[in-house]
Amino acid sequence: MISNAIKQRGWSFLPRYVLQPMLANWTVGFTLFTTYTAALPAAYARASSQYSISSREALPWYPPFVAGAAAGLAQSAVASPLDSLRTRFEVEHMVSGRYFSWWGFVREQLSETGWRGLYRGLRLTMAKDVAGYAGFFGLFEWIKNETIDLYRDLVHVACKDGVFASESDIGRLSKARVLELRALLGQGSEQIERQGWIVRNPVIVLPVLLLPPVLGRPACVLFAGAIAAIAYQVVDFPLE
């Protein structure tokens, strides 16, 4: 589509119609993640007086949800006028040459409705972003921490019981060792029993353990991100 547009309108199509909305999306994402990274330590500090990077204290579960809600609130202030512009935008206006660029469209909308008009629907956008990103960041941090702890405990138990000679052996398992590990997980070692039903389902656990150590933690992060994204869509899609 972009290639066809460039053939018809020339390379000036990109800075006029493509880069500007990309910069707008960058601004929204920058606001979201900067606010979250700034709010998360503050939320932990208010929830736990002994919080520090090196602390071994069991941290409360809810600060990521609070920081995510704050990030969603900040994003809604930036995203609401952009959503209004997107809703009112008609592709035909650009194709027909009515607007020289996105900025021309924005200027006309501002002259017609003013800034207050662009913030219509702010409460719905705010509710969507606050609930959606509280769930997204909160679930992401919780699932990431739980799965990484589970992975570390399973590797420790497997090394302790002789399934792995060391962590470097992960990813080079023989079929016999895989069966031995499956039997070990089925026994419910005391160290990993507290992790619950996942441990009692080796089909879920074994694929992660078969990864080299350098990929074990990233796999846990990707899994947490996938679940968090699904949770976000459950909130965002009907409201959007």
Protein backbone atom coordinates (compact mmCIF):
# COMPACT_ATOMS: atom_id res chain seq x y z
CA MET A 1 0.00 0.00 0.00
CA ILE A 2 2.78 2.43 0.94
CA SER A 3 4.76 1.45 -2.15
CA ASN A 4 1.77 2.18 -4.36
CA ALA A 5 1.21 5.52 -2.60
CA ILE A 6 4.85 6.52 -3.14
CA LYS A 7 4.56 5.69 -6.86
CA GLN A 8 1.50 7.95 -7.15
CA ARG A 9 2.50 10.79 -4.80
CA GLY A 10 6.29 10.61 -4.64
CA TRP A 11 8.62 10.18 -1.68
CA SER A 12 7.14 13.27 -0.02
CA PHE A 13 4.23 11.00 0.94
CA LEU A 14 6.32 9.52 3.78
CA PRO A 15 7.17 12.68 5.76
CA ARG A 16 3.72 14.17 5.12
CA TYR A 17 1.44 11.23 5.92
CA VAL A 18 3.43 8.37 7.51
CA LEU A 19 6.12 9.79 9.81
CA GLN A 20 3.77 12.21 11.59
CA PRO A 21 1.32 9.58 12.89
CA MET A 22 4.31 7.39 13.76
CA LEU A 23 5.69 10.24 15.90
CA ALA A 24 2.28 10.57 17.55
CA ASN A 25 2.30 6.85 18.42
CA TRP A 26 5.85 7.17 19.71
CA THR A 27 4.71 10.00 22.01
CA VAL A 28 1.92 7.82 23.42
CA GLY A 29 4.24 4.86 24.02
CA PHE A 30 6.94 7.08 25.52
CA THR A 31 4.42 8.58 27.95
CA LEU A 32 3.10 5.15 28.95
CA PHE A 33 6.39 3.38 29.66
CA THR A 34 8.20 6.39 31.14
CA THR A 35 5.36 6.93 33.60
CA TYR A 36 5.32 3.24 34.51
CA THR A 37 9.08 3.00 35.13
CA ALA A 38 8.92 6.14 37.26
CA ALA A 39 5.81 5.11 39.22
CA LEU A 40 6.79 1.50 39.96
CA PRO A 41 9.62 2.20 42.46
CA ALA A 42 7.46 4.84 44.15
CA ALA A 43 4.55 2.38 44.44
CA TYR A 44 6.83 -0.27 45.96
CA ALA A 45 8.35 2.27 48.35
CA ARG A 46 4.93 3.29 49.65
CA ALA A 47 3.85 -0.34 50.03
CA SER A 48 7.03 -1.54 51.76
CA SER A 49 9.23 0.61 54.00
CA GLN A 50 12.17 -1.76 53.55
CA TYR A 51 12.03 -1.85 49.75
CA SER A 52 15.34 -1.63 47.92
CA ILE A 53 16.93 -3.22 44.89
CA SER A 54 18.99 -5.58 47.07
CA SER A 55 16.26 -6.35 49.60
CA ARG A 56 15.18 -9.96 50.04
CA GLU A 57 11.88 -8.96 51.59
CA ALA A 58 8.83 -10.59 50.01
CA LEU A 59 7.40 -7.70 48.02
CA PRO A 60 3.64 -7.05 47.85
CA TRP A 61 1.81 -8.00 44.67
CA TYR A 62 -0.20 -4.83 43.98
CA PRO A 63 2.36 -2.03 43.24
CA PRO A 64 2.70 -3.03 39.54
CA PHE A 65 -1.09 -2.74 39.20
CA VAL A 66 -0.98 0.73 40.80
CA ALA A 67 1.93 1.84 38.59
CA GLY A 68 0.16 0.44 35.52
CA ALA A 69 -2.99 2.38 36.37
CA ALA A 70 -0.92 5.58 36.74
CA ALA A 71 0.74 4.92 33.38
CA GLY A 72 -2.65 4.37 31.75
CA LEU A 73 -3.94 7.61 33.26
CA ALA A 74 -0.98 9.54 31.85
CA GLN A 75 -1.34 7.91 28.46
CA SER A 76 -5.04 8.74 28.24
CA ALA A 77 -4.21 12.45 28.56
CA VAL A 78 -2.03 12.15 25.44
CA ALA A 79 -3.96 9.50 23.53
CA SER A 80 -7.47 10.95 23.90
CA PRO A 81 -7.04 13.85 21.41
CA LEU A 82 -5.18 11.54 19.03
CA ASP A 83 -8.01 9.01 19.20
CA SER A 84 -10.48 11.81 18.45
CA LEU A 85 -8.47 12.84 15.40
CA ARG A 86 -8.22 9.25 14.22
CA THR A 87 -11.98 8.79 14.54
CA ARG A 88 -12.71 11.91 12.48
CA PHE A 89 -10.08 11.26 9.86
CA GLU A 90 -11.22 10.26 6.39
CA VAL A 91 -8.66 8.71 4.05
CA GLU A 92 -10.40 10.31 1.06
CA HIS A 93 -9.45 13.75 2.36
CA MET A 94 -5.77 12.93 2.07
CA VAL A 95 -6.12 11.15 -1.28
CA SER A 96 -8.07 14.04 -2.79
CA GLY A 97 -5.41 16.52 -1.70
CA ARG A 98 -7.67 18.44 0.67
CA TYR A 99 -4.90 18.41 3.28
CA PHE A 100 -1.24 18.91 2.43
CA SER A 101 -0.21 16.83 5.44
CA TRP A 102 -1.45 15.44 8.77
CA TRP A 103 -0.71 18.78 10.40
CA GLY A 104 -3.13 20.47 8.00
CA PHE A 105 -5.85 18.09 9.11
CA VAL A 106 -5.00 18.71 12.79
CA ARG A 107 -5.05 22.50 12.35
CA GLU A 108 -8.48 22.40 10.72
CA GLN A 109 -9.90 20.20 13.49
CA LEU A 110 -8.50 22.55 16.15
CA SER A 111 -10.02 25.56 14.44
CA GLU A 112 -13.41 23.83 14.29
CA THR A 113 -13.63 22.23 17.73
CA GLY A 114 -10.73 23.57 19.81
CA TRP A 115 -8.75 21.48 22.28
CA ARG A 116 -11.84 20.84 24.40
CA GLY A 117 -13.55 19.18 21.45
CA LEU A 118 -10.62 16.82 20.97
CA TYR A 119 -10.97 15.66 24.58
CA ARG A 120 -14.54 14.49 24.19
CA GLY A 121 -14.74 10.91 25.37
CA LEU A 122 -11.82 11.40 27.76
CA ARG A 123 -13.57 9.56 30.59
CA LEU A 124 -14.11 6.44 28.49
CA THR A 125 -10.51 6.53 27.21
CA MET A 126 -9.28 7.06 30.76
CA ALA A 127 -11.32 4.11 32.08
CA LYS A 128 -10.07 1.92 29.23
CA ASP A 129 -6.40 2.83 29.70
CA VAL A 130 -6.38 2.76 33.51
CA ALA A 131 -8.08 -0.66 33.72
CA GLY A 132 -6.29 -2.10 30.72
CA TYR A 133 -2.75 -1.12 31.69
CA ALA A 134 -3.24 -1.87 35.37
CA GLY A 135 -4.08 -5.42 34.31
CA PHE A 136 -1.34 -5.56 31.68
CA PHE A 137 1.59 -4.40 33.81
CA GLY A 138 0.32 -6.02 36.99
CA LEU A 139 -0.15 -9.44 35.42
CA PHE A 140 3.09 -9.15 33.49
CA GLU A 141 5.20 -8.49 36.58
CA TRP A 142 3.40 -11.12 38.67
CA ILE A 143 3.53 -13.90 36.06
CA LYS A 144 7.11 -13.03 35.09
CA ASN A 145 8.33 -13.23 38.68
CA GLU A 146 6.42 -16.45 39.38
CA THR A 147 7.62 -18.23 36.24
CA ILE A 148 11.24 -17.14 36.68
CA ASP A 149 11.17 -18.32 40.31
CA LEU A 150 9.66 -21.62 39.15
CA TYR A 151 12.29 -22.04 36.45
CA ARG A 152 15.11 -21.31 38.90
CA ASP A 153 13.71 -23.74 41.50
CA LEU A 154 13.24 -26.51 38.96
CA VAL A 155 16.78 -26.13 37.65
CA HIS A 156 18.12 -26.14 41.21
CA VAL A 157 16.21 -29.31 42.11
CA ALA A 158 17.22 -31.04 38.88
CA CYS A 159 20.90 -30.23 39.50
CA LYS A 160 20.65 -31.28 43.15
CA ASP A 161 19.09 -34.65 42.28
CA GLY A 162 21.61 -35.43 39.56
CA VAL A 163 19.43 -34.93 36.51
CA PHE A 164 21.69 -32.05 35.49
CA ALA A 165 25.35 -32.10 36.42
CA SER A 166 25.25 -28.31 36.19
CA GLU A 167 23.13 -25.59 34.63
CA SER A 168 25.26 -25.79 31.50
CA ASP A 169 23.86 -29.28 30.84
CA ILE A 170 20.38 -27.87 30.23
CA GLY A 171 19.49 -28.12 26.55
CA ARG A 172 21.63 -31.23 26.01
CA LEU A 173 19.38 -33.82 27.65
CA SER A 174 19.18 -37.40 26.53
CA LYS A 175 15.83 -39.19 26.34
CA ALA A 176 16.73 -41.10 29.49
CA ARG A 177 17.40 -37.87 31.36
CA VAL A 178 14.11 -36.40 30.13
CA LEU A 179 12.22 -39.41 31.51
CA GLU A 180 14.16 -39.10 34.78
CA LEU A 181 13.27 -35.44 35.05
CA ARG A 182 9.61 -36.17 34.30
CA ALA A 183 9.57 -38.74 37.10
CA LEU A 184 11.25 -36.29 39.47
CA LEU A 185 8.63 -33.63 38.79
CA GLY A 186 5.87 -36.16 39.30
CA GLN A 187 7.15 -36.92 42.79
CA GLY A 188 6.50 -33.34 43.91
CA SER A 189 9.76 -32.27 45.51
CA GLU A 190 9.28 -30.13 48.63
CA GLN A 191 11.21 -27.28 47.05
CA ILE A 192 8.87 -27.01 44.09
CA GLU A 193 5.61 -28.34 45.52
CA ARG A 194 4.62 -24.84 46.59
CA GLN A 195 4.59 -23.76 42.96
CA GLY A 196 1.35 -25.68 42.47
CA TRP A 197 -0.28 -27.28 39.46
CA ILE A 198 2.36 -26.32 36.87
CA VAL A 199 4.88 -28.64 38.51
CA ARG A 200 2.42 -31.50 38.35
CA ASN A 201 2.11 -31.01 34.59
CA PRO A 202 5.58 -31.79 33.23
CA VAL A 203 4.39 -31.34 29.64
CA ILE A 204 4.24 -27.60 30.37
CA VAL A 205 7.47 -27.44 32.35
CA LEU A 206 9.77 -29.64 30.27
CA PRO A 207 9.88 -27.47 27.12
CA VAL A 208 11.20 -24.55 29.19
CA LEU A 209 13.77 -26.72 30.96
CA LEU A 210 15.02 -28.04 27.63
CA LEU A 211 16.09 -24.50 26.68
CA PRO A 212 19.68 -23.41 27.33
CA PRO A 213 20.00 -21.26 30.49
CA VAL A 214 20.49 -18.11 28.43
CA LEU A 215 16.98 -18.60 26.96
CA GLY A 216 15.16 -19.81 30.08
CA ARG A 217 14.45 -16.41 31.60
CA PRO A 218 13.58 -14.73 28.26
CA ALA A 219 11.08 -17.53 27.63
CA CYS A 220 9.45 -16.76 30.99
CA VAL A 221 9.30 -13.06 30.10
CA LEU A 222 7.74 -13.79 26.69
CA PHE A 223 5.15 -16.07 28.30
CA ALA A 224 4.24 -13.38 30.85
CA GLY A 225 3.98 -10.76 28.11
CA ALA A 226 1.67 -12.96 26.04
CA ILE A 227 -0.72 -13.57 28.94
CA ALA A 228 -0.67 -9.88 29.91
CA ALA A 229 -1.42 -8.85 26.32
CA ILE A 230 -4.44 -11.15 26.22
CA ALA A 231 -5.69 -9.68 29.50
CA TYR A 232 -5.25 -6.16 28.11
CA GLN A 233 -7.24 -6.99 24.98
CA VAL A 234 -10.08 -8.39 27.08
CA VAL A 235 -10.49 -4.90 28.57
CA ASP A 236 -9.46 -2.76 25.59
CA PHE A 237 -11.25 -4.40 22.66
CA PRO A 238 -14.91 -3.95 23.70
CA LEU A 239 -14.28 -0.38 24.91
CA GLU A 240 -12.26 0.51 21.82
